Amino acid sequence: MEVNPFEAPECRDAIKLPPSAHQAHRDLRKDIEGVVAIAATMLLAGAWAGSRYLGAPFLLVLMTVTVGFLVGVIVYAVAAKRLRVLLFLPVVLPAIVGQELVPALFILAGVIGIPIAVLFSFIRPTRQNWILTRKMVLIGLTSIASLVLTDRLRLLGARRTAERAEVLIEAIDRFQTREGKLPSSLNDLVPHDVSSIPDTGMARFPSFDYVVPTSQVDVDEQRLFATYELRVNLYRLLQFDSLVYWPEGNYPDAIYGGGVERIGDWAYVHE
């Protein structure tokens, strides 16, 4: 009996037939869906993390974009009959709730996973291994982009807060010129020097704290601010940053247990 050599098991294992056009199209669609899912999740996480430093208008825009994206995913899943895409929707929730934690975890996963994936791709250079490597690299890059976005929004919020505080600083100066002393609290400025105490413009941190030394001993011993301090406490989970203003502007390199980053006449303290 004559045996077809191409039907022998060892020959079938050795021959690798090219994927069909339909299979290639389906694989490409999966790759595109994966790229969109990873990039969108990371950027939404970064934007939601940065939203705490900005006001309600930005938050409203971000909510609109998020809802629009989720609706778009649903429409695409139904129109393309790709209901498995709907499994992506729950991923957005921890991206919004976890905020900076999600990109940090993905960066950690990328640092560990990328070398392993690359190693396996060289040991067994299969298409699936290279796809996994590309996705791990994408996760790492978009996670970094997410944290950079958060940092840019943080700086933008801090600069806007500094601008909004100019009215308050001028009101304190007018009070001191008229009364010959500093106000004991910001409420002393209303209504003669300012109609109402401005807020910071930050959604999560709306109010300014005002501190004056209680005595000359405090000034001499602490060697911090000589006149008064305006502060916005940016406290959140396991992090206690603050935005500080001293009229004299003599900020050291580190105060309150954190390094100082100058933002105009203000100091951002990284705890």
C-alpha atoms as a PDB file:
ATOM      1  CA  MET A   1       0.000   0.000   0.000  1.00  0.00           C
ATOM      2  CA  GLU A   2       1.436   3.300  -1.103  1.00  0.00           C
ATOM      3  CA  VAL A   3       1.533   5.967   1.600  1.00  0.00           C
ATOM      4  CA  ASN A   4       1.269   9.628   0.783  1.00  0.00           C
ATOM      5  CA  PRO A   5       4.361  11.177   2.448  1.00  0.00           C
ATOM      6  CA  PHE A   6       2.484  14.403   3.132  1.00  0.00           C
ATOM      7  CA  GLU A   7      -0.038  12.494   5.229  1.00  0.00           C
ATOM      8  CA  ALA A   8       2.563  10.927   7.489  1.00  0.00           C
ATOM      9  CA  PRO A   9       2.341  12.253  11.059  1.00  0.00           C
ATOM     10  CA  GLU A  10       5.960  13.337  11.138  1.00  0.00           C
ATOM     11  CA  CYS A  11       5.526  15.253   7.881  1.00  0.00           C
ATOM     12  CA  ARG A  12       2.321  16.905   9.035  1.00  0.00           C
ATOM     13  CA  ASP A  13       4.116  18.138  12.149  1.00  0.00           C
ATOM     14  CA  ALA A  14       7.023  19.484  10.136  1.00  0.00           C
ATOM     15  CA  ILE A  15       4.923  21.362   7.588  1.00  0.00           C
ATOM     16  CA  LYS A  16       3.569  24.714   8.797  1.00  0.00           C
ATOM     17  CA  LEU A  17       0.849  25.918   6.502  1.00  0.00           C
ATOM     18  CA  PRO A  18       0.354  29.683   6.258  1.00  0.00           C
ATOM     19  CA  PRO A  19      -2.770  30.951   7.993  1.00  0.00           C
ATOM     20  CA  SER A  20      -5.792  31.605   5.817  1.00  0.00           C
ATOM     21  CA  ALA A  21      -6.850  35.149   4.968  1.00  0.00           C
ATOM     22  CA  HIS A  22      -9.837  34.791   7.297  1.00  0.00           C
ATOM     23  CA  GLN A  23      -7.632  33.639  10.178  1.00  0.00           C
ATOM     24  CA  ALA A  24      -5.142  36.453   9.551  1.00  0.00           C
ATOM     25  CA  HIS A  25      -7.982  39.006   9.505  1.00  0.00           C
ATOM     26  CA  ARG A  26      -9.398  37.615  12.754  1.00  0.00           C
ATOM     27  CA  ASP A  27      -5.982  37.696  14.442  1.00  0.00           C
ATOM     28  CA  LEU A  28      -5.423  41.288  13.295  1.00  0.00           C
ATOM     29  CA  ARG A  29      -8.807  42.284  14.689  1.00  0.00           C
ATOM     30  CA  LYS A  30      -7.944  40.689  18.032  1.00  0.00           C
ATOM     31  CA  ASP A  31      -4.623  42.569  18.099  1.00  0.00           C
ATOM     32  CA  ILE A  32      -6.344  45.892  17.403  1.00  0.00           C
ATOM     33  CA  GLU A  33      -8.958  45.231  20.078  1.00  0.00           C
ATOM     34  CA  GLY A  34      -6.216  44.385  22.573  1.00  0.00           C
ATOM     35  CA  VAL A  35      -4.289  47.571  21.773  1.00  0.00           C
ATOM     36  CA  VAL A  36      -7.401  49.749  22.163  1.00  0.00           C
ATOM     37  CA  ALA A  37      -8.417  48.030  25.400  1.00  0.00           C
ATOM     38  CA  ILE A  38      -4.996  48.358  27.040  1.00  0.00           C
ATOM     39  CA  ALA A  39      -4.317  51.926  25.897  1.00  0.00           C
ATOM     40  CA  ALA A  40      -7.801  53.187  26.785  1.00  0.00           C
ATOM     41  CA  THR A  41      -7.779  51.568  30.215  1.00  0.00           C
ATOM     42  CA  MET A  42      -4.401  53.006  31.137  1.00  0.00           C
ATOM     43  CA  LEU A  43      -5.143  56.511  29.849  1.00  0.00           C
ATOM     44  CA  LEU A  44      -8.523  56.575  31.595  1.00  0.00           C
ATOM     45  CA  ALA A  45      -6.825  55.510  34.826  1.00  0.00           C
ATOM     46  CA  GLY A  46      -4.301  58.341  34.483  1.00  0.00           C
ATOM     47  CA  ALA A  47      -6.981  60.899  33.656  1.00  0.00           C
ATOM     48  CA  TRP A  48      -9.175  59.851  36.596  1.00  0.00           C
ATOM     49  CA  ALA A  49      -6.171  59.968  38.926  1.00  0.00           C
ATOM     50  CA  GLY A  50      -5.390  63.497  37.747  1.00  0.00           C
ATOM     51  CA  SER A  51      -9.018  64.628  37.967  1.00  0.00           C
ATOM     52  CA  ARG A  52      -8.715  65.106  41.734  1.00  0.00           C
ATOM     53  CA  TYR A  53      -6.401  68.076  41.083  1.00  0.00           C
ATOM     54  CA  LEU A  54      -8.806  69.810  38.697  1.00  0.00           C
ATOM     55  CA  GLY A  55     -12.284  71.236  38.973  1.00  0.00           C
ATOM     56  CA  ALA A  56     -15.793  70.109  38.143  1.00  0.00           C
ATOM     57  CA  PRO A  57     -15.696  71.090  34.425  1.00  0.00           C
ATOM     58  CA  PHE A  58     -12.787  68.730  33.755  1.00  0.00           C
ATOM     59  CA  LEU A  59     -14.500  65.994  35.761  1.00  0.00           C
ATOM     60  CA  LEU A  60     -17.674  66.421  33.693  1.00  0.00           C
ATOM     61  CA  VAL A  61     -15.704  66.148  30.448  1.00  0.00           C
ATOM     62  CA  LEU A  62     -13.901  63.059  31.731  1.00  0.00           C
ATOM     63  CA  MET A  63     -17.179  61.411  32.746  1.00  0.00           C
ATOM     64  CA  THR A  64     -18.593  62.141  29.284  1.00  0.00           C
ATOM     65  CA  VAL A  65     -15.543  60.646  27.574  1.00  0.00           C
ATOM     66  CA  THR A  66     -15.645  57.555  29.784  1.00  0.00           C
ATOM     67  CA  VAL A  67     -19.359  56.934  29.219  1.00  0.00           C
ATOM     68  CA  GLY A  68     -18.917  57.568  25.498  1.00  0.00           C
ATOM     69  CA  PHE A  69     -16.099  55.059  25.321  1.00  0.00           C
ATOM     70  CA  LEU A  70     -18.114  52.410  27.171  1.00  0.00           C
ATOM     71  CA  VAL A  71     -21.106  52.959  24.888  1.00  0.00           C
ATOM     72  CA  GLY A  72     -18.792  52.699  21.887  1.00  0.00           C
ATOM     73  CA  VAL A  73     -17.493  49.355  23.135  1.00  0.00           C
ATOM     74  CA  ILE A  74     -21.044  48.031  23.498  1.00  0.00           C
ATOM     75  CA  VAL A  75     -22.065  49.240  20.033  1.00  0.00           C
ATOM     76  CA  TYR A  76     -18.960  47.705  18.466  1.00  0.00           C
ATOM     77  CA  ALA A  77     -19.484  44.388  20.263  1.00  0.00           C
ATOM     78  CA  VAL A  78     -23.090  44.146  19.049  1.00  0.00           C
ATOM     79  CA  ALA A  79     -22.438  45.388  15.496  1.00  0.00           C
ATOM     80  CA  ALA A  80     -19.396  43.157  14.955  1.00  0.00           C
ATOM     81  CA  LYS A  81     -21.000  40.235  16.800  1.00  0.00           C
ATOM     82  CA  ARG A  82     -17.980  40.148  19.085  1.00  0.00           C
ATOM     83  CA  LEU A  83     -19.743  39.812  22.421  1.00  0.00           C
ATOM     84  CA  ARG A  84     -16.496  38.675  24.044  1.00  0.00           C
ATOM     85  CA  VAL A  85     -15.376  42.309  23.780  1.00  0.00           C
ATOM     86  CA  LEU A  86     -17.907  43.103  26.518  1.00  0.00           C
ATOM     87  CA  LEU A  87     -15.594  41.320  28.953  1.00  0.00           C
ATOM     88  CA  PHE A  88     -13.442  44.450  28.708  1.00  0.00           C
ATOM     89  CA  LEU A  89     -16.091  46.629  30.376  1.00  0.00           C
ATOM     90  CA  PRO A  90     -15.438  45.486  33.982  1.00  0.00           C
ATOM     91  CA  VAL A  91     -11.743  46.324  33.485  1.00  0.00           C
ATOM     92  CA  VAL A  92     -12.578  50.026  33.232  1.00  0.00           C
ATOM     93  CA  LEU A  93     -14.062  50.065  36.744  1.00  0.00           C
ATOM     94  CA  PRO A  94     -10.812  49.301  38.608  1.00  0.00           C
ATOM     95  CA  ALA A  95      -9.068  51.723  36.245  1.00  0.00           C
ATOM     96  CA  ILE A  96     -11.389  54.468  37.491  1.00  0.00           C
ATOM     97  CA  VAL A  97     -11.427  53.421  41.145  1.00  0.00           C
ATOM     98  CA  GLY A  98      -7.797  52.331  41.419  1.00  0.00           C
ATOM     99  CA  GLN A  99      -6.502  55.313  39.433  1.00  0.00           C
ATOM    100  CA  GLU A 100      -2.738  55.579  39.970  1.00  0.00           C
ATOM    101  CA  LEU A 101      -2.574  52.109  41.529  1.00  0.00           C
ATOM    102  CA  VAL A 102      -3.609  50.403  38.273  1.00  0.00           C
ATOM    103  CA  PRO A 103      -0.825  51.884  36.084  1.00  0.00           C
ATOM    104  CA  ALA A 104       1.719  51.210  38.838  1.00  0.00           C
ATOM    105  CA  LEU A 105       0.676  47.548  39.017  1.00  0.00           C
ATOM    106  CA  PHE A 106       0.811  47.232  35.243  1.00  0.00           C
ATOM    107  CA  ILE A 107       4.293  48.762  35.178  1.00  0.00           C
ATOM    108  CA  LEU A 108       5.371  46.219  37.775  1.00  0.00           C
ATOM    109  CA  ALA A 109       3.821  43.433  35.685  1.00  0.00           C
ATOM    110  CA  GLY A 110       5.610  44.769  32.613  1.00  0.00           C
ATOM    111  CA  VAL A 111       8.972  44.926  34.353  1.00  0.00           C
ATOM    112  CA  ILE A 112       8.599  41.287  35.362  1.00  0.00           C
ATOM    113  CA  GLY A 113       6.720  40.010  32.341  1.00  0.00           C
ATOM    114  CA  ILE A 114       8.523  41.660  29.416  1.00  0.00           C
ATOM    115  CA  PRO A 115      11.911  39.916  29.940  1.00  0.00           C
ATOM    116  CA  ILE A 116      10.157  36.579  30.479  1.00  0.00           C
ATOM    117  CA  ALA A 117       8.011  37.011  27.370  1.00  0.00           C
ATOM    118  CA  VAL A 118      11.013  38.033  25.242  1.00  0.00           C
ATOM    119  CA  LEU A 119      13.002  35.067  26.515  1.00  0.00           C
ATOM    120  CA  PHE A 120      10.220  32.628  25.640  1.00  0.00           C
ATOM    121  CA  SER A 121       9.859  34.269  22.222  1.00  0.00           C
ATOM    122  CA  PHE A 122      13.505  33.557  21.445  1.00  0.00           C
ATOM    123  CA  ILE A 123      13.409  30.056  22.900  1.00  0.00           C
ATOM    124  CA  ARG A 124      10.155  29.177  21.137  1.00  0.00           C
ATOM    125  CA  PRO A 125       9.673  31.778  18.379  1.00  0.00           C
ATOM    126  CA  THR A 126       5.992  31.130  17.822  1.00  0.00           C
ATOM    127  CA  ARG A 127       3.530  33.726  16.665  1.00  0.00           C
ATOM    128  CA  GLN A 128       1.582  33.558  19.934  1.00  0.00           C
ATOM    129  CA  ASN A 129       4.703  34.213  21.987  1.00  0.00           C
ATOM    130  CA  TRP A 130       5.583  37.295  19.927  1.00  0.00           C
ATOM    131  CA  ILE A 131       2.006  38.562  20.240  1.00  0.00           C
ATOM    132  CA  LEU A 132       2.292  38.181  24.018  1.00  0.00           C
ATOM    133  CA  THR A 133       5.601  40.057  23.990  1.00  0.00           C
ATOM    134  CA  ARG A 134       4.097  42.946  22.017  1.00  0.00           C
ATOM    135  CA  LYS A 135       1.190  43.181  24.438  1.00  0.00           C
ATOM    136  CA  MET A 136       3.495  43.198  27.467  1.00  0.00           C
ATOM    137  CA  VAL A 137       5.564  45.999  25.919  1.00  0.00           C
ATOM    138  CA  LEU A 138       2.361  47.911  25.147  1.00  0.00           C
ATOM    139  CA  ILE A 139       1.159  47.485  28.731  1.00  0.00           C
ATOM    140  CA  GLY A 140       4.453  48.851  30.055  1.00  0.00           C
ATOM    141  CA  LEU A 141       4.519  51.850  27.705  1.00  0.00           C
ATOM    142  CA  THR A 142       0.877  52.827  28.237  1.00  0.00           C
ATOM    143  CA  SER A 143       1.271  52.466  31.998  1.00  0.00           C
ATOM    144  CA  ILE A 144       4.168  54.909  31.938  1.00  0.00           C
ATOM    145  CA  ALA A 145       2.109  57.252  29.737  1.00  0.00           C
ATOM    146  CA  SER A 146      -0.746  57.018  32.250  1.00  0.00           C
ATOM    147  CA  LEU A 147       1.454  58.058  35.169  1.00  0.00           C
ATOM    148  CA  VAL A 148       2.959  60.887  33.092  1.00  0.00           C
ATOM    149  CA  LEU A 149      -0.565  62.093  32.287  1.00  0.00           C
ATOM    150  CA  THR A 150      -1.434  62.052  36.000  1.00  0.00           C
ATOM    151  CA  ASP A 151       1.674  64.083  36.796  1.00  0.00           C
ATOM    152  CA  ARG A 152       0.884  66.668  34.100  1.00  0.00           C
ATOM    153  CA  LEU A 153      -2.661  67.093  35.404  1.00  0.00           C
ATOM    154  CA  ARG A 154      -1.309  67.396  38.958  1.00  0.00           C
ATOM    155  CA  LEU A 155       0.999  70.231  37.916  1.00  0.00           C
ATOM    156  CA  LEU A 156      -1.784  71.899  35.957  1.00  0.00           C
ATOM    157  CA  GLY A 157      -4.061  71.762  39.000  1.00  0.00           C
ATOM    158  CA  ALA A 158      -1.332  73.146  41.268  1.00  0.00           C
ATOM    159  CA  ARG A 159      -0.669  76.076  38.916  1.00  0.00           C
ATOM    160  CA  ARG A 160      -4.372  76.875  38.699  1.00  0.00           C
ATOM    161  CA  THR A 161      -4.645  76.784  42.490  1.00  0.00           C
ATOM    162  CA  ALA A 162      -1.715  79.187  42.781  1.00  0.00           C
ATOM    163  CA  GLU A 163      -3.451  81.576  40.369  1.00  0.00           C
ATOM    164  CA  ARG A 164      -6.748  81.378  42.281  1.00  0.00           C
ATOM    165  CA  ALA A 165      -4.923  82.106  45.535  1.00  0.00           C
ATOM    166  CA  GLU A 166      -3.649  85.483  44.289  1.00  0.00           C
ATOM    167  CA  VAL A 167      -6.928  87.111  45.343  1.00  0.00           C
ATOM    168  CA  LEU A 168      -6.550  85.635  48.811  1.00  0.00           C
ATOM    169  CA  ILE A 169      -2.916  86.710  49.164  1.00  0.00           C
ATOM    170  CA  GLU A 170      -3.765  90.274  48.107  1.00  0.00           C
ATOM    171  CA  ALA A 171      -6.619  90.339  50.623  1.00  0.00           C
ATOM    172  CA  ILE A 172      -4.251  89.268  53.427  1.00  0.00           C
ATOM    173  CA  ASP A 173      -1.823  92.045  52.428  1.00  0.00           C
ATOM    174  CA  ARG A 174      -4.625  94.647  52.489  1.00  0.00           C
ATOM    175  CA  PHE A 175      -5.757  93.483  55.911  1.00  0.00           C
ATOM    176  CA  GLN A 176      -2.211  93.651  57.271  1.00  0.00           C
ATOM    177  CA  THR A 177      -1.701  97.152  55.847  1.00  0.00           C
ATOM    178  CA  ARG A 178      -4.959  98.410  57.328  1.00  0.00           C
ATOM    179  CA  GLU A 179      -4.874  96.658  60.699  1.00  0.00           C
ATOM    180  CA  GLY A 180      -1.122  96.482  61.257  1.00  0.00           C
ATOM    181  CA  LYS A 181      -1.290  92.749  61.915  1.00  0.00           C
ATOM    182  CA  LEU A 182      -2.092  89.496  60.158  1.00  0.00           C
ATOM    183  CA  PRO A 183      -5.642  88.135  60.266  1.00  0.00           C
ATOM    184  CA  SER A 184      -6.094  85.417  62.839  1.00  0.00           C
ATOM    185  CA  SER A 185      -8.145  83.413  60.321  1.00  0.00           C
ATOM    186  CA  LEU A 186      -9.271  83.752  56.733  1.00  0.00           C
ATOM    187  CA  ASN A 187     -12.780  84.612  57.923  1.00  0.00           C
ATOM    188  CA  ASP A 188     -11.428  87.956  59.168  1.00  0.00           C
ATOM    189  CA  LEU A 189     -11.008  88.974  55.514  1.00  0.00           C
ATOM    190  CA  VAL A 190     -14.750  88.795  54.799  1.00  0.00           C
ATOM    191  CA  PRO A 191     -16.364  91.072  53.732  1.00  0.00           C
ATOM    192  CA  HIS A 192     -13.958  94.053  53.788  1.00  0.00           C
ATOM    193  CA  ASP A 193     -11.042  92.563  51.881  1.00  0.00           C
ATOM    194  CA  VAL A 194     -12.718  89.816  49.889  1.00  0.00           C
ATOM    195  CA  SER A 195     -16.385  88.999  49.320  1.00  0.00           C
ATOM    196  CA  SER A 196     -15.890  85.293  50.024  1.00  0.00           C
ATOM    197  CA  ILE A 197     -13.015  82.906  50.572  1.00  0.00           C
ATOM    198  CA  PRO A 198     -12.065  81.393  47.195  1.00  0.00           C
ATOM    199  CA  ASP A 199     -11.739  77.667  46.852  1.00  0.00           C
ATOM    200  CA  THR A 200      -8.698  75.945  45.415  1.00  0.00           C
ATOM    201  CA  GLY A 201     -10.388  74.806  42.210  1.00  0.00           C
ATOM    202  CA  MET A 202      -9.458  71.199  43.002  1.00  0.00           C
ATOM    203  CA  ALA A 203     -12.366  68.765  43.145  1.00  0.00           C
ATOM    204  CA  ARG A 204     -10.974  66.642  45.969  1.00  0.00           C
ATOM    205  CA  PHE A 205      -9.083  69.361  47.881  1.00  0.00           C
ATOM    206  CA  PRO A 206     -11.308  72.457  47.808  1.00  0.00           C
ATOM    207  CA  SER A 207     -10.114  74.574  50.756  1.00  0.00           C
ATOM    208  CA  PHE A 208      -7.025  76.516  51.811  1.00  0.00           C
ATOM    209  CA  ASP A 209      -5.529  76.108  55.269  1.00  0.00           C
ATOM    210  CA  TYR A 210      -4.158  79.284  56.832  1.00  0.00           C
ATOM    211  CA  VAL A 211      -1.535  79.124  59.573  1.00  0.00           C
ATOM    212  CA  VAL A 212       0.232  81.901  61.507  1.00  0.00           C
ATOM    213  CA  PRO A 213       2.942  81.382  64.146  1.00  0.00           C
ATOM    214  CA  THR A 214       1.407  81.546  67.600  1.00  0.00           C
ATOM    215  CA  SER A 215       4.431  83.311  69.053  1.00  0.00           C
ATOM    216  CA  GLN A 216       7.947  84.477  68.269  1.00  0.00           C
ATOM    217  CA  VAL A 217       9.197  81.268  69.888  1.00  0.00           C
ATOM    218  CA  ASP A 218       7.485  79.266  67.154  1.00  0.00           C
ATOM    219  CA  VAL A 219       9.243  81.314  64.480  1.00  0.00           C
ATOM    220  CA  ASP A 220      12.671  81.004  66.122  1.00  0.00           C
ATOM    221  CA  GLU A 221      12.418  77.301  66.925  1.00  0.00           C
ATOM    222  CA  GLN A 222      10.820  75.990  63.740  1.00  0.00           C
ATOM    223  CA  ARG A 223      12.694  78.240  61.322  1.00  0.00           C
ATOM    224  CA  LEU A 224       9.987  77.697  58.747  1.00  0.00           C
ATOM    225  CA  PHE A 225       7.775  80.618  57.712  1.00  0.00           C
ATOM    226  CA  ALA A 226       8.134  83.979  59.418  1.00  0.00           C
ATOM    227  CA  THR A 227       4.756  85.509  58.534  1.00  0.00           C
ATOM    228  CA  TYR A 228       2.030  83.073  57.521  1.00  0.00           C
ATOM    229  CA  GLU A 229       1.431  79.944  55.499  1.00  0.00           C
ATOM    230  CA  LEU A 230      -1.248  78.985  53.015  1.00  0.00           C
ATOM    231  CA  ARG A 231      -1.476  75.240  52.483  1.00  0.00           C
ATOM    232  CA  VAL A 232      -3.564  72.786  50.480  1.00  0.00           C
ATOM    233  CA  ASN A 233      -3.341  69.292  51.924  1.00  0.00           C
ATOM    234  CA  LEU A 234      -3.361  66.776  49.080  1.00  0.00           C
ATOM    235  CA  TYR A 235      -3.790  63.768  51.304  1.00  0.00           C
ATOM    236  CA  ARG A 236      -4.806  60.447  49.780  1.00  0.00           C
ATOM    237  CA  LEU A 237      -4.118  56.767  50.270  1.00  0.00           C
ATOM    238  CA  LEU A 238      -0.595  56.301  51.694  1.00  0.00           C
ATOM    239  CA  GLN A 239       0.515  59.678  50.346  1.00  0.00           C
ATOM    240  CA  PHE A 240       0.494  63.037  52.096  1.00  0.00           C
ATOM    241  CA  ASP A 241       1.576  65.680  49.588  1.00  0.00           C
ATOM    242  CA  SER A 242       0.816  69.345  50.120  1.00  0.00           C
ATOM    243  CA  LEU A 243       0.933  72.645  48.251  1.00  0.00           C
ATOM    244  CA  VAL A 244       2.483  75.402  50.373  1.00  0.00           C
ATOM    245  CA  TYR A 245       2.868  79.176  50.087  1.00  0.00           C
ATOM    246  CA  TRP A 246       5.117  81.379  52.241  1.00  0.00           C
ATOM    247  CA  PRO A 247       5.248  85.125  51.435  1.00  0.00           C
ATOM    248  CA  GLU A 248       9.010  85.167  51.935  1.00  0.00           C
ATOM    249  CA  GLY A 249       9.449  82.240  49.529  1.00  0.00           C
ATOM    250  CA  ASN A 250      12.522  80.840  51.275  1.00  0.00           C
ATOM    251  CA  TYR A 251      11.620  77.185  50.816  1.00  0.00           C
ATOM    252  CA  PRO A 252      14.293  74.662  51.770  1.00  0.00           C
ATOM    253  CA  ASP A 253      14.944  71.560  49.700  1.00  0.00           C
ATOM    254  CA  ALA A 254      12.770  69.507  52.064  1.00  0.00           C
ATOM    255  CA  ILE A 255       9.987  70.447  54.478  1.00  0.00           C
ATOM    256  CA  TYR A 256       7.351  68.488  56.371  1.00  0.00           C
ATOM    257  CA  GLY A 257       9.144  65.254  55.602  1.00  0.00           C
ATOM    258  CA  GLY A 258       9.099  65.640  51.810  1.00  0.00           C
ATOM    259  CA  GLY A 259      11.072  67.079  48.920  1.00  0.00           C
ATOM    260  CA  VAL A 260      10.144  70.467  47.494  1.00  0.00           C
ATOM    261  CA  GLU A 261       9.209  71.186  43.870  1.00  0.00           C
ATOM    262  CA  ARG A 262       8.818  74.875  43.059  1.00  0.00           C
ATOM    263  CA  ILE A 263       5.640  75.876  41.221  1.00  0.00           C
ATOM    264  CA  GLY A 264       5.865  79.625  40.740  1.00  0.00           C
ATOM    265  CA  ASP A 265       5.806  81.238  44.192  1.00  0.00           C
ATOM    266  CA  TRP A 266       4.519  78.032  45.737  1.00  0.00           C
ATOM    267  CA  ALA A 267       6.166  74.814  46.856  1.00  0.00           C
ATOM    268  CA  TYR A 268       4.786  71.382  46.083  1.00  0.00           C
ATOM    269  CA  VAL A 269       5.880  69.031  48.875  1.00  0.00           C
ATOM    270  CA  HIS A 270       6.260  65.392  47.847  1.00  0.00           C
ATOM    271  CA  GLU A 271       5.763  63.313  50.984  1.00  0.00           C
END
